[in-house]
Structures are given as structure tokens and as C-alpha cells.
Amino acid sequence: MNTQSKHTPGPWKIKKDRFSQSVWAGNERIAEMMGWGKNRRRANARIISAAPALLEALKSAVSYLEANRPKGNIREIFTQLNEYENGVLKPARAAIAQAEGRANA
């Protein structure tokens, strides 16, 4: 059973009024920021509205990195591979899983 839910497709846009910032996908409101102060509402709306684009960019980066994994004698490039796996791919895969609802974040 696949319990993974799909997010609403982008692009997501910000609509503002005097007291709130809302993020919309077409005619569907995704999120509404109220309170916190105008600057924080704007910042939160920007990061939320960028979520679909960030997810796609991260997926592309992981795909590229997986296709261009360092090659050679593992003993000679162990440090490079460790940095590559733990410093780049592992956090990127975790962020994708979080965005897609496949991991506890």
C-alpha cells in the first residue's frame, strides 16, 4: 500500500493582503501565513511557494550526482567518496524524502 501523498503541482504563487500572505496553486490555496509580523509572513510565503521548484532542482542534482559518482580505486578516493555520499547525496536524498512524505523530519 502506497501511503505517500503527492504535493499539489507548481508553480505556486504568493497573494498578499494587509494582514496575511497566502500561497496558491492556480485557484487552490496551499497555505496562509498570518500573525508573526509582515517580514516573517513574506519570508515564510516565499519559502513555501518555492517548494515545488526546490524539490525538482534537488531531484535533478541527485540524478546528476548519481550518474557522475567518483570512480577509481576505492582506497585512493575513500575520502572523496565519503564526502560525496555523506556530505552531498545523503542530505539531498533526505530532503527529497521529507518533501515527498517518505521520512520523518
N, C-alpha and C. Protein backbone atom coordinates (compact mmCIF):
# COMPACT_ATOMS: atom_id res chain seq x y z
N MET A 1 0.84 -1.18 0.00
CA MET A 1 0.00 0.00 0.00
C MET A 1 0.88 1.24 0.00
N ASN A 2 0.64 2.12 -0.93
CA ASN A 2 1.42 3.35 -1.03
C ASN A 2 0.68 4.47 -0.30
N THR A 3 1.26 4.87 0.85
CA THR A 3 0.63 5.94 1.62
C THR A 3 1.23 7.29 1.32
N GLN A 4 2.19 7.31 0.42
CA GLN A 4 2.85 8.57 0.05
C GLN A 4 1.87 9.45 -0.70
N SER A 5 1.70 10.67 -0.22
CA SER A 5 0.82 11.60 -0.93
C SER A 5 1.65 12.49 -1.84
N LYS A 6 1.05 12.91 -2.91
CA LYS A 6 1.74 13.80 -3.84
C LYS A 6 1.36 15.23 -3.52
N HIS A 7 2.33 16.11 -3.66
CA HIS A 7 2.04 17.52 -3.42
C HIS A 7 1.30 18.12 -4.61
N THR A 8 0.68 19.23 -4.36
CA THR A 8 -0.01 19.97 -5.41
C THR A 8 1.04 20.47 -6.39
N PRO A 9 0.87 20.23 -7.68
CA PRO A 9 1.88 20.66 -8.65
C PRO A 9 2.08 22.18 -8.64
N GLY A 10 3.30 22.59 -8.94
CA GLY A 10 3.63 24.01 -9.05
C GLY A 10 3.27 24.51 -10.43
N PRO A 11 3.53 25.75 -10.71
CA PRO A 11 4.16 26.70 -9.78
C PRO A 11 3.17 27.18 -8.73
N TRP A 12 3.72 27.55 -7.59
CA TRP A 12 2.93 28.13 -6.52
C TRP A 12 3.22 29.62 -6.50
N LYS A 13 2.20 30.42 -6.31
CA LYS A 13 2.32 31.88 -6.32
C LYS A 13 1.87 32.46 -4.98
N ILE A 14 2.39 33.64 -4.66
CA ILE A 14 2.03 34.33 -3.43
C ILE A 14 1.00 35.40 -3.73
N LYS A 15 -0.04 35.45 -2.90
CA LYS A 15 -1.03 36.53 -2.95
C LYS A 15 -1.00 37.20 -1.59
N LYS A 16 -0.99 38.54 -1.59
CA LYS A 16 -0.87 39.28 -0.34
C LYS A 16 -2.10 40.13 -0.10
N ASP A 17 -2.40 40.32 1.17
CA ASP A 17 -3.31 41.38 1.56
C ASP A 17 -2.69 42.04 2.80
N ARG A 18 -3.41 42.88 3.42
CA ARG A 18 -2.83 43.67 4.50
C ARG A 18 -2.40 42.83 5.70
N PHE A 19 -3.13 41.76 6.00
CA PHE A 19 -2.88 41.00 7.22
C PHE A 19 -2.39 39.58 7.00
N SER A 20 -2.29 39.13 5.76
CA SER A 20 -1.83 37.76 5.54
C SER A 20 -1.11 37.64 4.20
N GLN A 21 -0.38 36.55 4.09
CA GLN A 21 0.27 36.14 2.84
C GLN A 21 -0.23 34.73 2.57
N SER A 22 -0.70 34.48 1.37
CA SER A 22 -1.19 33.16 1.01
C SER A 22 -0.40 32.61 -0.16
N VAL A 23 -0.26 31.29 -0.18
CA VAL A 23 0.40 30.61 -1.29
C VAL A 23 -0.67 29.83 -2.04
N TRP A 24 -0.73 30.03 -3.35
CA TRP A 24 -1.77 29.46 -4.19
C TRP A 24 -1.17 28.65 -5.33
N ALA A 25 -1.85 27.57 -5.70
CA ALA A 25 -1.56 26.81 -6.91
C ALA A 25 -2.81 26.92 -7.76
N GLY A 26 -2.75 27.77 -8.76
CA GLY A 26 -3.94 28.04 -9.55
C GLY A 26 -5.00 28.67 -8.66
N ASN A 27 -6.17 28.04 -8.55
CA ASN A 27 -7.27 28.55 -7.72
C ASN A 27 -7.34 27.89 -6.35
N GLU A 28 -6.31 27.13 -6.00
CA GLU A 28 -6.31 26.41 -4.72
C GLU A 28 -5.30 27.02 -3.75
N ARG A 29 -5.79 27.41 -2.56
CA ARG A 29 -4.88 27.96 -1.55
C ARG A 29 -4.13 26.80 -0.89
N ILE A 30 -2.80 26.89 -0.89
CA ILE A 30 -1.94 25.87 -0.31
C ILE A 30 -1.67 26.17 1.16
N ALA A 31 -1.41 27.44 1.46
CA ALA A 31 -1.06 27.84 2.82
C ALA A 31 -1.39 29.31 3.01
N GLU A 32 -1.60 29.67 4.28
CA GLU A 32 -1.84 31.06 4.61
C GLU A 32 -1.02 31.41 5.84
N MET A 33 -0.26 32.48 5.73
CA MET A 33 0.56 32.96 6.84
C MET A 33 -0.13 34.15 7.46
N MET A 34 -0.37 34.06 8.75
CA MET A 34 -0.99 35.16 9.48
C MET A 34 -0.16 35.40 10.74
N GLY A 35 -0.26 36.59 11.30
CA GLY A 35 0.49 36.90 12.51
C GLY A 35 1.97 37.05 12.21
N TRP A 36 2.81 36.84 13.17
CA TRP A 36 4.27 36.82 13.10
C TRP A 36 4.92 38.12 12.64
N GLY A 37 4.21 39.03 12.06
CA GLY A 37 4.81 40.23 11.50
C GLY A 37 4.98 40.11 10.00
N LYS A 38 4.89 41.24 9.33
CA LYS A 38 4.87 41.28 7.87
C LYS A 38 6.12 40.64 7.25
N ASN A 39 7.30 40.93 7.75
CA ASN A 39 8.53 40.39 7.15
C ASN A 39 8.61 38.88 7.28
N ARG A 40 8.22 38.34 8.42
CA ARG A 40 8.26 36.89 8.60
C ARG A 40 7.19 36.22 7.73
N ARG A 41 6.01 36.82 7.61
CA ARG A 41 4.98 36.26 6.72
C ARG A 41 5.50 36.19 5.30
N ARG A 42 6.14 37.27 4.85
CA ARG A 42 6.69 37.28 3.47
C ARG A 42 7.74 36.20 3.29
N ALA A 43 8.66 36.08 4.25
CA ALA A 43 9.73 35.08 4.15
C ALA A 43 9.15 33.67 4.14
N ASN A 44 8.19 33.40 5.01
CA ASN A 44 7.56 32.08 5.04
C ASN A 44 6.82 31.79 3.74
N ALA A 45 6.11 32.76 3.22
CA ALA A 45 5.40 32.57 1.95
C ALA A 45 6.37 32.30 0.81
N ARG A 46 7.50 33.00 0.79
CA ARG A 46 8.50 32.77 -0.28
C ARG A 46 9.04 31.35 -0.24
N ILE A 47 9.42 30.85 0.95
CA ILE A 47 10.00 29.51 1.01
C ILE A 47 8.95 28.45 0.69
N ILE A 48 7.73 28.65 1.15
CA ILE A 48 6.67 27.68 0.84
C ILE A 48 6.37 27.69 -0.65
N SER A 49 6.27 28.87 -1.25
CA SER A 49 5.94 28.94 -2.67
C SER A 49 7.05 28.36 -3.55
N ALA A 50 8.27 28.33 -3.04
CA ALA A 50 9.40 27.79 -3.81
C ALA A 50 9.52 26.27 -3.69
N ALA A 51 8.73 25.65 -2.80
CA ALA A 51 8.88 24.22 -2.54
C ALA A 51 8.86 23.33 -3.78
N PRO A 52 7.91 23.46 -4.71
CA PRO A 52 7.94 22.58 -5.88
C PRO A 52 9.22 22.75 -6.72
N ALA A 53 9.65 23.97 -6.90
CA ALA A 53 10.87 24.22 -7.69
C ALA A 53 12.11 23.69 -6.96
N LEU A 54 12.16 23.87 -5.64
CA LEU A 54 13.29 23.35 -4.86
C LEU A 54 13.35 21.83 -4.94
N LEU A 55 12.20 21.17 -4.83
CA LEU A 55 12.16 19.72 -4.91
C LEU A 55 12.65 19.24 -6.28
N GLU A 56 12.20 19.85 -7.34
CA GLU A 56 12.64 19.45 -8.68
C GLU A 56 14.12 19.69 -8.89
N ALA A 57 14.63 20.83 -8.41
CA ALA A 57 16.06 21.12 -8.53
C ALA A 57 16.89 20.11 -7.76
N LEU A 58 16.44 19.75 -6.57
CA LEU A 58 17.17 18.78 -5.76
C LEU A 58 17.15 17.40 -6.40
N LYS A 59 16.01 17.00 -6.97
CA LYS A 59 15.94 15.73 -7.68
C LYS A 59 16.90 15.70 -8.86
N SER A 60 16.97 16.80 -9.60
CA SER A 60 17.89 16.88 -10.74
C SER A 60 19.34 16.78 -10.28
N ALA A 61 19.65 17.46 -9.18
CA ALA A 61 21.02 17.43 -8.64
C ALA A 61 21.40 16.01 -8.22
N VAL A 62 20.50 15.31 -7.53
CA VAL A 62 20.79 13.95 -7.10
C VAL A 62 20.97 13.04 -8.31
N SER A 63 20.13 13.19 -9.31
CA SER A 63 20.26 12.38 -10.52
C SER A 63 21.62 12.60 -11.19
N TYR A 64 22.02 13.87 -11.29
CA TYR A 64 23.32 14.19 -11.88
C TYR A 64 24.45 13.60 -11.05
N LEU A 65 24.37 13.79 -9.74
CA LEU A 65 25.44 13.30 -8.86
C LEU A 65 25.55 11.79 -8.90
N GLU A 66 24.41 11.10 -8.95
CA GLU A 66 24.44 9.64 -9.02
C GLU A 66 25.08 9.17 -10.33
N ALA A 67 24.80 9.87 -11.42
CA ALA A 67 25.36 9.50 -12.73
C ALA A 67 26.85 9.84 -12.82
N ASN A 68 27.31 10.78 -12.01
CA ASN A 68 28.70 11.22 -12.09
C ASN A 68 29.47 10.91 -10.81
N ARG A 69 29.12 9.82 -10.17
CA ARG A 69 29.78 9.38 -8.94
C ARG A 69 31.28 9.19 -9.21
N PRO A 70 32.14 9.61 -8.26
CA PRO A 70 33.58 9.42 -8.45
C PRO A 70 33.91 7.94 -8.68
N LYS A 71 34.84 7.70 -9.57
CA LYS A 71 35.24 6.33 -9.92
C LYS A 71 36.73 6.17 -9.69
N GLY A 72 37.14 4.94 -9.59
CA GLY A 72 38.56 4.66 -9.40
C GLY A 72 38.77 3.69 -8.25
N ASN A 73 40.01 3.58 -7.82
CA ASN A 73 40.39 2.70 -6.72
C ASN A 73 39.83 3.28 -5.43
N ILE A 74 39.00 2.49 -4.77
CA ILE A 74 38.33 2.97 -3.56
C ILE A 74 39.31 3.42 -2.49
N ARG A 75 40.45 2.76 -2.40
CA ARG A 75 41.46 3.15 -1.40
C ARG A 75 42.04 4.52 -1.69
N GLU A 76 42.15 4.85 -2.95
CA GLU A 76 42.74 6.14 -3.33
C GLU A 76 41.74 7.29 -3.19
N ILE A 77 40.46 6.97 -3.29
CA ILE A 77 39.49 8.06 -3.26
C ILE A 77 38.48 7.92 -2.13
N PHE A 78 38.82 7.19 -1.07
CA PHE A 78 37.90 6.97 0.03
C PHE A 78 37.39 8.28 0.62
N THR A 79 38.25 9.22 0.89
CA THR A 79 37.84 10.49 1.49
C THR A 79 36.87 11.22 0.57
N GLN A 80 37.19 11.25 -0.72
CA GLN A 80 36.32 11.91 -1.69
C GLN A 80 34.95 11.24 -1.74
N LEU A 81 34.93 9.92 -1.77
CA LEU A 81 33.65 9.20 -1.80
C LEU A 81 32.86 9.43 -0.53
N ASN A 82 33.51 9.44 0.61
CA ASN A 82 32.83 9.68 1.88
C ASN A 82 32.19 11.06 1.90
N GLU A 83 32.93 12.08 1.48
CA GLU A 83 32.38 13.43 1.42
C GLU A 83 31.23 13.50 0.42
N TYR A 84 31.38 12.83 -0.69
CA TYR A 84 30.36 12.81 -1.73
C TYR A 84 29.07 12.18 -1.21
N GLU A 85 29.18 11.01 -0.59
CA GLU A 85 28.00 10.30 -0.09
C GLU A 85 27.37 11.00 1.11
N ASN A 86 28.17 11.30 2.12
CA ASN A 86 27.64 11.83 3.38
C ASN A 86 27.44 13.34 3.37
N GLY A 87 28.24 14.05 2.58
CA GLY A 87 28.14 15.50 2.56
C GLY A 87 27.20 16.04 1.50
N VAL A 88 26.93 15.24 0.45
CA VAL A 88 26.11 15.74 -0.66
C VAL A 88 24.86 14.88 -0.86
N LEU A 89 25.05 13.62 -1.20
CA LEU A 89 23.91 12.78 -1.57
C LEU A 89 23.00 12.44 -0.40
N LYS A 90 23.55 12.08 0.74
CA LYS A 90 22.71 11.68 1.87
C LYS A 90 21.77 12.81 2.31
N PRO A 91 22.28 14.05 2.52
CA PRO A 91 21.36 15.12 2.90
C PRO A 91 20.35 15.46 1.79
N ALA A 92 20.78 15.38 0.54
CA ALA A 92 19.87 15.68 -0.57
C ALA A 92 18.76 14.64 -0.65
N ARG A 93 19.11 13.36 -0.52
CA ARG A 93 18.09 12.31 -0.53
C ARG A 93 17.13 12.46 0.65
N ALA A 94 17.65 12.83 1.81
CA ALA A 94 16.80 13.03 2.99
C ALA A 94 15.83 14.18 2.78
N ALA A 95 16.29 15.26 2.16
CA ALA A 95 15.40 16.41 1.90
C ALA A 95 14.31 16.03 0.91
N ILE A 96 14.64 15.26 -0.11
CA ILE A 96 13.64 14.80 -1.07
C ILE A 96 12.62 13.92 -0.37
N ALA A 97 13.09 12.98 0.44
CA ALA A 97 12.18 12.08 1.16
C ALA A 97 11.25 12.87 2.08
N GLN A 98 11.79 13.88 2.76
CA GLN A 98 10.97 14.71 3.63
C GLN A 98 9.90 15.44 2.82
N ALA A 99 10.29 16.03 1.70
CA ALA A 99 9.35 16.77 0.86
C ALA A 99 8.27 15.88 0.29
N GLU A 100 8.60 14.62 0.03
CA GLU A 100 7.63 13.68 -0.54
C GLU A 100 6.89 12.89 0.54
N GLY A 101 7.18 13.15 1.80
CA GLY A 101 6.47 12.50 2.88
C GLY A 101 6.91 11.06 3.12
N ARG A 102 8.12 10.73 2.73
CA ARG A 102 8.61 9.36 2.91
C ARG A 102 9.51 9.20 4.13
N ALA A 103 9.71 10.27 4.90
CA ALA A 103 10.63 10.18 6.04
C ALA A 103 10.15 11.07 7.15
N ASN A 104 10.51 10.72 8.36
CA ASN A 104 10.26 11.60 9.49
C ASN A 104 11.31 12.67 9.49
N ALA A 105 10.87 13.91 9.58
CA ALA A 105 11.83 15.00 9.51
C ALA A 105 11.90 15.74 10.81
